Amino acid sequence: MKPADAQSLQETFRREYRSLLQYVSGAAPFARGADIALRDSVLRIAGEEERALEAFGEFLDENRVTLPYLGSFPMDFMDLNFVTIRHLLPKLLKEQKKDLVVLETEASVHTDSIARGAVERLVELHRRHLKELESLGQ
């Protein structure tokens, strides 16, 4: 694997682990009544993405790509603790759309087919989750 591909994969791993969806999974979104099912669905989606990122990290390790330092979540997320899931959903949709565009672009520039395939798996998961989040918002 070329160094440029390895570096790009490291950045993908770091950015995706510090996404809003991953932040929300630990931010204790508030829900009551019918919104409890909504919150549980969002947390399930976040858990699926976390498991996919763990598999992505294993892929990096198997290909001798050092896992990057994750750093902290973006400061913009810090005011999203203990807010209602209804308040978070539009923000999650916006971020998921933005993240999907970035992932699609990254997948298209990889010269290594194995690296491209690993990112494309994340793209497919993001597409599916975006559809789920959109249906939850209706």
N, C-alpha and C. Protein backbone atom coordinates (compact mmCIF):
# COMPACT_ATOMS: atom_id res chain seq x y z
N MET A 1 0.85 -1.18 0.00
CA MET A 1 0.00 0.00 0.00
C MET A 1 0.90 1.24 0.00
N LYS A 2 0.54 2.19 -0.84
CA LYS A 2 1.32 3.41 -0.96
C LYS A 2 1.15 4.26 0.31
N PRO A 3 2.18 5.01 0.68
CA PRO A 3 2.07 5.88 1.86
C PRO A 3 0.90 6.86 1.80
N ALA A 4 0.58 7.38 0.62
CA ALA A 4 -0.54 8.32 0.51
C ALA A 4 -1.86 7.63 0.84
N ASP A 5 -2.03 6.38 0.40
CA ASP A 5 -3.24 5.64 0.73
C ASP A 5 -3.31 5.37 2.23
N ALA A 6 -2.18 4.97 2.81
CA ALA A 6 -2.15 4.69 4.25
C ALA A 6 -2.50 5.95 5.05
N GLN A 7 -1.93 7.06 4.65
CA GLN A 7 -2.21 8.32 5.37
C GLN A 7 -3.68 8.71 5.24
N SER A 8 -4.24 8.54 4.07
CA SER A 8 -5.65 8.86 3.86
C SER A 8 -6.55 7.94 4.70
N LEU A 9 -6.20 6.66 4.79
CA LEU A 9 -6.98 5.73 5.61
C LEU A 9 -6.91 6.10 7.09
N GLN A 10 -5.74 6.54 7.53
CA GLN A 10 -5.61 6.98 8.91
C GLN A 10 -6.52 8.17 9.19
N GLU A 11 -6.55 9.12 8.27
CA GLU A 11 -7.39 10.30 8.44
C GLU A 11 -8.87 9.91 8.44
N THR A 12 -9.24 8.99 7.57
CA THR A 12 -10.63 8.50 7.54
C THR A 12 -11.00 7.89 8.89
N PHE A 13 -10.14 7.05 9.40
CA PHE A 13 -10.38 6.39 10.68
C PHE A 13 -10.56 7.41 11.80
N ARG A 14 -9.65 8.37 11.87
CA ARG A 14 -9.71 9.39 12.92
C ARG A 14 -10.98 10.22 12.80
N ARG A 15 -11.26 10.71 11.62
CA ARG A 15 -12.43 11.57 11.42
C ARG A 15 -13.73 10.84 11.73
N GLU A 16 -13.84 9.60 11.27
CA GLU A 16 -15.08 8.85 11.49
C GLU A 16 -15.27 8.50 12.96
N TYR A 17 -14.19 8.24 13.67
CA TYR A 17 -14.31 7.97 15.11
C TYR A 17 -14.66 9.22 15.90
N ARG A 18 -14.47 10.37 15.30
CA ARG A 18 -14.79 11.63 15.96
C ARG A 18 -15.98 12.33 15.29
N SER A 19 -16.86 11.53 14.73
CA SER A 19 -18.06 12.08 14.08
C SER A 19 -19.11 12.46 15.12
N LEU A 20 -20.08 13.23 14.67
CA LEU A 20 -21.17 13.62 15.56
C LEU A 20 -21.95 12.39 16.04
N LEU A 21 -22.15 11.44 15.16
CA LEU A 21 -22.88 10.23 15.56
C LEU A 21 -22.16 9.51 16.69
N GLN A 22 -20.85 9.42 16.62
CA GLN A 22 -20.11 8.78 17.71
C GLN A 22 -20.15 9.62 18.98
N TYR A 23 -20.14 10.91 18.82
CA TYR A 23 -20.24 11.78 19.99
C TYR A 23 -21.59 11.61 20.69
N VAL A 24 -22.65 11.60 19.89
CA VAL A 24 -24.00 11.49 20.44
C VAL A 24 -24.18 10.19 21.22
N SER A 25 -23.51 9.14 20.80
CA SER A 25 -23.67 7.86 21.49
C SER A 25 -23.21 7.93 22.95
N GLY A 26 -22.35 8.89 23.26
CA GLY A 26 -21.90 9.06 24.63
C GLY A 26 -22.42 10.31 25.31
N ALA A 27 -23.27 11.07 24.61
CA ALA A 27 -23.72 12.36 25.11
C ALA A 27 -25.03 12.31 25.87
N ALA A 28 -25.57 11.12 26.09
CA ALA A 28 -26.81 10.93 26.85
C ALA A 28 -27.96 11.78 26.34
N PRO A 29 -28.35 11.57 25.06
CA PRO A 29 -29.49 12.34 24.56
C PRO A 29 -30.77 12.02 25.34
N PHE A 30 -31.53 13.05 25.62
CA PHE A 30 -32.75 12.89 26.42
C PHE A 30 -33.91 12.47 25.54
N ALA A 31 -34.72 11.58 26.06
CA ALA A 31 -35.94 11.16 25.36
C ALA A 31 -36.95 10.68 26.38
N ARG A 32 -38.22 10.90 26.04
CA ARG A 32 -39.29 10.32 26.85
C ARG A 32 -40.43 9.98 25.91
N GLY A 33 -41.29 9.11 26.35
CA GLY A 33 -42.43 8.70 25.55
C GLY A 33 -42.01 8.07 24.24
N ALA A 34 -42.64 8.52 23.16
CA ALA A 34 -42.37 7.96 21.83
C ALA A 34 -40.93 8.22 21.37
N ASP A 35 -40.29 9.24 21.92
CA ASP A 35 -38.92 9.56 21.52
C ASP A 35 -37.89 8.56 22.05
N ILE A 36 -38.29 7.72 22.97
CA ILE A 36 -37.35 6.71 23.48
C ILE A 36 -36.96 5.76 22.35
N ALA A 37 -37.93 5.35 21.54
CA ALA A 37 -37.64 4.46 20.41
C ALA A 37 -36.73 5.17 19.41
N LEU A 38 -36.95 6.46 19.21
CA LEU A 38 -36.10 7.24 18.31
C LEU A 38 -34.66 7.26 18.83
N ARG A 39 -34.50 7.57 20.11
CA ARG A 39 -33.16 7.59 20.71
C ARG A 39 -32.49 6.23 20.59
N ASP A 40 -33.25 5.18 20.87
CA ASP A 40 -32.68 3.83 20.80
C ASP A 40 -32.24 3.49 19.37
N SER A 41 -32.99 3.94 18.39
CA SER A 41 -32.61 3.71 16.99
C SER A 41 -31.32 4.44 16.64
N VAL A 42 -31.21 5.69 17.08
CA VAL A 42 -30.00 6.47 16.81
C VAL A 42 -28.80 5.82 17.49
N LEU A 43 -28.97 5.37 18.73
CA LEU A 43 -27.86 4.73 19.44
C LEU A 43 -27.49 3.39 18.80
N ARG A 44 -28.47 2.67 18.26
CA ARG A 44 -28.19 1.42 17.55
C ARG A 44 -27.35 1.71 16.30
N ILE A 45 -27.75 2.75 15.55
CA ILE A 45 -27.00 3.14 14.35
C ILE A 45 -25.56 3.52 14.73
N ALA A 46 -25.41 4.29 15.79
CA ALA A 46 -24.07 4.68 16.25
C ALA A 46 -23.25 3.44 16.62
N GLY A 47 -23.88 2.48 17.26
CA GLY A 47 -23.19 1.25 17.62
C GLY A 47 -22.75 0.45 16.40
N GLU A 48 -23.60 0.42 15.38
CA GLU A 48 -23.23 -0.27 14.14
C GLU A 48 -22.02 0.41 13.49
N GLU A 49 -22.03 1.72 13.49
CA GLU A 49 -20.89 2.43 12.91
C GLU A 49 -19.62 2.22 13.73
N GLU A 50 -19.78 2.17 15.04
CA GLU A 50 -18.60 1.93 15.87
C GLU A 50 -18.01 0.54 15.58
N ARG A 51 -18.86 -0.46 15.44
CA ARG A 51 -18.37 -1.81 15.12
C ARG A 51 -17.69 -1.82 13.74
N ALA A 52 -18.26 -1.09 12.78
CA ALA A 52 -17.63 -1.00 11.45
C ALA A 52 -16.27 -0.32 11.54
N LEU A 53 -16.16 0.68 12.39
CA LEU A 53 -14.87 1.36 12.57
C LEU A 53 -13.86 0.46 13.26
N GLU A 54 -14.32 -0.37 14.18
CA GLU A 54 -13.42 -1.35 14.80
C GLU A 54 -12.88 -2.31 13.75
N ALA A 55 -13.75 -2.76 12.84
CA ALA A 55 -13.32 -3.64 11.75
C ALA A 55 -12.37 -2.90 10.81
N PHE A 56 -12.63 -1.62 10.57
CA PHE A 56 -11.75 -0.80 9.74
C PHE A 56 -10.38 -0.68 10.40
N GLY A 57 -10.37 -0.49 11.71
CA GLY A 57 -9.11 -0.44 12.45
C GLY A 57 -8.35 -1.75 12.37
N GLU A 58 -9.06 -2.87 12.42
CA GLU A 58 -8.41 -4.18 12.26
C GLU A 58 -7.83 -4.32 10.86
N PHE A 59 -8.56 -3.82 9.86
CA PHE A 59 -8.04 -3.82 8.50
C PHE A 59 -6.74 -3.03 8.43
N LEU A 60 -6.72 -1.85 9.04
CA LEU A 60 -5.50 -1.04 9.05
C LEU A 60 -4.36 -1.80 9.70
N ASP A 61 -4.64 -2.40 10.83
CA ASP A 61 -3.61 -3.15 11.55
C ASP A 61 -3.08 -4.32 10.71
N GLU A 62 -3.98 -5.04 10.07
CA GLU A 62 -3.56 -6.17 9.23
C GLU A 62 -2.69 -5.72 8.06
N ASN A 63 -2.89 -4.49 7.61
CA ASN A 63 -2.12 -3.96 6.50
C ASN A 63 -0.96 -3.08 6.96
N ARG A 64 -0.63 -3.20 8.22
CA ARG A 64 0.51 -2.51 8.82
C ARG A 64 0.43 -0.98 8.70
N VAL A 65 -0.79 -0.51 8.85
CA VAL A 65 -1.02 0.93 8.89
C VAL A 65 -1.28 1.28 10.35
N THR A 66 -0.45 2.13 10.91
CA THR A 66 -0.56 2.50 12.30
C THR A 66 -1.87 3.23 12.57
N LEU A 67 -2.54 2.82 13.63
CA LEU A 67 -3.77 3.53 14.01
C LEU A 67 -3.39 4.93 14.49
N PRO A 68 -4.13 5.93 14.03
CA PRO A 68 -3.77 7.30 14.39
C PRO A 68 -4.25 7.67 15.78
N TYR A 69 -3.66 8.70 16.31
CA TYR A 69 -4.15 9.32 17.54
C TYR A 69 -5.49 9.95 17.20
N LEU A 70 -6.52 9.66 17.98
CA LEU A 70 -7.86 10.14 17.66
C LEU A 70 -8.08 11.60 18.04
N GLY A 71 -7.46 12.06 19.06
CA GLY A 71 -7.69 13.42 19.51
C GLY A 71 -9.08 13.58 20.10
N SER A 72 -9.47 14.80 20.30
CA SER A 72 -10.77 15.05 20.92
C SER A 72 -11.83 15.29 19.84
N PHE A 73 -13.07 15.28 20.28
CA PHE A 73 -14.17 15.59 19.38
C PHE A 73 -14.13 17.09 19.06
N PRO A 74 -14.71 17.49 17.93
CA PRO A 74 -14.76 18.92 17.60
C PRO A 74 -15.46 19.74 18.70
N MET A 75 -14.99 20.92 18.93
CA MET A 75 -15.56 21.79 19.96
C MET A 75 -17.03 22.11 19.68
N ASP A 76 -17.43 22.11 18.42
CA ASP A 76 -18.83 22.39 18.05
C ASP A 76 -19.80 21.40 18.69
N PHE A 77 -19.31 20.23 19.05
CA PHE A 77 -20.19 19.19 19.62
C PHE A 77 -20.41 19.37 21.11
N MET A 78 -19.58 20.16 21.76
CA MET A 78 -19.57 20.20 23.22
C MET A 78 -20.86 20.73 23.85
N ASP A 79 -21.66 21.46 23.11
CA ASP A 79 -22.91 21.95 23.68
C ASP A 79 -24.09 21.03 23.38
N LEU A 80 -23.80 19.80 22.96
CA LEU A 80 -24.86 18.86 22.59
C LEU A 80 -25.05 17.75 23.63
N ASN A 81 -24.57 17.96 24.82
CA ASN A 81 -24.77 16.98 25.90
C ASN A 81 -26.14 17.20 26.54
N PHE A 82 -26.80 16.11 26.84
CA PHE A 82 -28.06 16.14 27.59
C PHE A 82 -29.14 16.99 26.91
N VAL A 83 -29.18 16.98 25.59
CA VAL A 83 -30.25 17.65 24.86
C VAL A 83 -31.18 16.58 24.29
N THR A 84 -32.35 16.99 23.84
CA THR A 84 -33.32 16.01 23.36
C THR A 84 -32.86 15.40 22.04
N ILE A 85 -33.28 14.18 21.83
CA ILE A 85 -32.94 13.49 20.59
C ILE A 85 -33.57 14.20 19.39
N ARG A 86 -34.73 14.81 19.58
CA ARG A 86 -35.38 15.58 18.50
C ARG A 86 -34.53 16.78 18.10
N HIS A 87 -33.84 17.38 19.07
CA HIS A 87 -32.95 18.51 18.79
C HIS A 87 -31.72 18.03 18.00
N LEU A 88 -31.25 16.83 18.30
CA LEU A 88 -30.04 16.30 17.67
C LEU A 88 -30.27 15.76 16.26
N LEU A 89 -31.46 15.27 16.00
CA LEU A 89 -31.68 14.57 14.73
C LEU A 89 -31.37 15.42 13.50
N PRO A 90 -31.82 16.67 13.40
CA PRO A 90 -31.45 17.47 12.20
C PRO A 90 -29.94 17.67 12.07
N LYS A 91 -29.26 17.83 13.18
CA LYS A 91 -27.81 17.99 13.15
C LYS A 91 -27.14 16.69 12.70
N LEU A 92 -27.65 15.56 13.17
CA LEU A 92 -27.11 14.26 12.75
C LEU A 92 -27.29 14.05 11.26
N LEU A 93 -28.47 14.39 10.75
CA LEU A 93 -28.72 14.25 9.31
C LEU A 93 -27.76 15.11 8.50
N LYS A 94 -27.58 16.34 8.90
CA LYS A 94 -26.68 17.24 8.18
C LYS A 94 -25.25 16.70 8.19
N GLU A 95 -24.78 16.27 9.35
CA GLU A 95 -23.41 15.74 9.47
C GLU A 95 -23.24 14.44 8.69
N GLN A 96 -24.25 13.57 8.75
CA GLN A 96 -24.16 12.29 8.04
C GLN A 96 -24.07 12.53 6.54
N LYS A 97 -24.82 13.49 6.03
CA LYS A 97 -24.74 13.83 4.60
C LYS A 97 -23.36 14.36 4.24
N LYS A 98 -22.84 15.24 5.07
CA LYS A 98 -21.52 15.81 4.83
C LYS A 98 -20.44 14.72 4.89
N ASP A 99 -20.52 13.87 5.89
CA ASP A 99 -19.55 12.79 6.04
C ASP A 99 -19.60 11.83 4.85
N LEU A 100 -20.80 11.57 4.35
CA LEU A 100 -20.96 10.67 3.21
C LEU A 100 -20.26 11.23 1.97
N VAL A 101 -20.41 12.51 1.72
CA VAL A 101 -19.75 13.14 0.56
C VAL A 101 -18.23 13.01 0.70
N VAL A 102 -17.72 13.25 1.89
CA VAL A 102 -16.27 13.14 2.11
C VAL A 102 -15.81 11.71 1.88
N LEU A 103 -16.54 10.74 2.41
CA LEU A 103 -16.16 9.34 2.24
C LEU A 103 -16.21 8.92 0.77
N GLU A 104 -17.23 9.35 0.06
CA GLU A 104 -17.34 9.01 -1.37
C GLU A 104 -16.15 9.57 -2.14
N THR A 105 -15.76 10.78 -1.81
CA THR A 105 -14.61 11.40 -2.47
C THR A 105 -13.34 10.63 -2.14
N GLU A 106 -13.17 10.28 -0.88
CA GLU A 106 -11.97 9.53 -0.47
C GLU A 106 -11.90 8.17 -1.17
N ALA A 107 -13.04 7.49 -1.27
CA ALA A 107 -13.04 6.18 -1.91
C ALA A 107 -12.61 6.29 -3.37
N SER A 108 -13.00 7.38 -4.02
CA SER A 108 -12.70 7.53 -5.45
C SER A 108 -11.24 7.84 -5.73
N VAL A 109 -10.51 8.35 -4.76
CA VAL A 109 -9.12 8.74 -5.03
C VAL A 109 -8.09 7.67 -4.66
N HIS A 110 -8.51 6.62 -4.00
CA HIS A 110 -7.54 5.57 -3.62
C HIS A 110 -7.09 4.80 -4.85
N THR A 111 -5.77 4.68 -4.99
CA THR A 111 -5.21 3.91 -6.10
C THR A 111 -5.14 2.43 -5.75
N ASP A 112 -5.09 2.13 -4.48
CA ASP A 112 -5.03 0.75 -4.00
C ASP A 112 -6.45 0.20 -3.89
N SER A 113 -6.73 -0.88 -4.60
CA SER A 113 -8.10 -1.42 -4.62
C SER A 113 -8.54 -1.93 -3.25
N ILE A 114 -7.63 -2.44 -2.47
CA ILE A 114 -7.98 -2.93 -1.13
C ILE A 114 -8.36 -1.75 -0.24
N ALA A 115 -7.59 -0.67 -0.32
CA ALA A 115 -7.92 0.53 0.46
C ALA A 115 -9.25 1.11 0.01
N ARG A 116 -9.45 1.17 -1.29
CA ARG A 116 -10.71 1.70 -1.82
C ARG A 116 -11.89 0.85 -1.33
N GLY A 117 -11.73 -0.45 -1.35
CA GLY A 117 -12.79 -1.34 -0.88
C GLY A 117 -13.13 -1.13 0.58
N ALA A 118 -12.12 -0.89 1.39
CA ALA A 118 -12.36 -0.65 2.83
C ALA A 118 -13.16 0.62 3.04
N VAL A 119 -12.84 1.66 2.30
CA VAL A 119 -13.58 2.93 2.43
C VAL A 119 -14.98 2.77 1.83
N GLU A 120 -15.09 2.04 0.73
CA GLU A 120 -16.41 1.84 0.12
C GLU A 120 -17.37 1.10 1.07
N ARG A 121 -16.86 0.22 1.91
CA ARG A 121 -17.72 -0.44 2.91
C ARG A 121 -18.28 0.59 3.89
N LEU A 122 -17.46 1.56 4.27
CA LEU A 122 -17.95 2.63 5.14
C LEU A 122 -18.97 3.50 4.41
N VAL A 123 -18.74 3.74 3.12
CA VAL A 123 -19.68 4.53 2.32
C VAL A 123 -21.04 3.85 2.31
N GLU A 124 -21.06 2.55 2.05
CA GLU A 124 -22.33 1.83 1.99
C GLU A 124 -23.06 1.87 3.33
N LEU A 125 -22.32 1.72 4.40
CA LEU A 125 -22.93 1.80 5.73
C LEU A 125 -23.50 3.19 5.98
N HIS A 126 -22.77 4.23 5.61
CA HIS A 126 -23.26 5.61 5.78
C HIS A 126 -24.52 5.85 4.95
N ARG A 127 -24.55 5.33 3.74
CA ARG A 127 -25.75 5.49 2.91
C ARG A 127 -26.97 4.85 3.59
N ARG A 128 -26.78 3.64 4.06
CA ARG A 128 -27.88 2.94 4.73
C ARG A 128 -28.32 3.69 5.97
N HIS A 129 -27.37 4.14 6.76
CA HIS A 129 -27.71 4.86 7.99
C HIS A 129 -28.34 6.21 7.71
N LEU A 130 -27.92 6.86 6.66
CA LEU A 130 -28.54 8.14 6.29
C LEU A 130 -30.02 7.93 5.96
N LYS A 131 -30.32 6.89 5.21
CA LYS A 131 -31.72 6.58 4.89
C LYS A 131 -32.51 6.30 6.17
N GLU A 132 -31.91 5.55 7.09
CA GLU A 132 -32.59 5.27 8.35
C GLU A 132 -32.85 6.54 9.16
N LEU A 133 -31.84 7.39 9.25
CA LEU A 133 -31.99 8.63 9.99
C LEU A 133 -33.05 9.52 9.34
N GLU A 134 -33.07 9.56 8.02
CA GLU A 134 -34.10 10.36 7.34
C GLU A 134 -35.49 9.83 7.63
N SER A 135 -35.63 8.52 7.68
CA SER A 135 -36.96 7.96 7.97
C SER A 135 -37.36 8.21 9.42
N LEU A 136 -36.40 8.29 10.31
CA LEU A 136 -36.70 8.58 11.72
C LEU A 136 -37.17 10.03 11.89
N GLY A 137 -36.68 10.91 11.05
CA GLY A 137 -37.02 12.32 11.15
C GLY A 137 -38.39 12.67 10.61
N GLN A 138 -39.06 11.72 10.02
CA GLN A 138 -40.37 12.01 9.42
C GLN A 138 -41.50 11.84 10.41
